[in-house]
């Protein structure tokens, strides 16, 4: 992969600041002027890279996808291992995964998807990409006889239905102990669906 152009670098810098400001003040209260003030630049420079606030929003949604797909980094040259699949499950059902992107912004954009077709398309692309990546991992594990999942795509979809439902429900939970217990319960269900042991039971290192 080649080096990013100066334009791409500047756009990414702006998007990251947009995310930080929107996370702090709310998407509705975040303007190009506020982003420029935090970056200590002229608003016209932001408009040079993003003509409208909507363009910035689309770029930020793409940024969500890039962050979420980080959980699928496979380091083993021989492909997916049992440990890779276990660590992915651990990541999906962990606070670290949930903190990859702010809940408030995620659900704000999710709501906008019902009104703006382009955002709806982008959100579907995010969710489809996550499901396809997990299905691919399961398929590779099937080939190696690590798993015996009959329908990897449906199974991946079901696990993400569990993930999405879990985090929406848990975003309303203020009791940290109850939050952790419910998250562990949902994670155990995912392991059962895959027919593999939990990472903690095989390595003794929970959530590593």
Foldseek 3Di string as FASTA:
>chain_A
DDDDDPLVVVLVVLLVLLQVVCLVPNNVPDDLVVSCVVVVHDSVVVCVNPVHVVSSVLVNLVVLLVLLCVLLDDDDPVAADPVSLLLSLLCLLDVVNVVSGDPRVVVVLVVCVVVDVSSVVSVVVSVVVQLVSQLVNLVVCVVVVVFVQPRSSVLSVVLVVLSVVLVVVLVPDPDPVVNVVSSVVSSVVNCVNRVHDHPCVPPVDRND
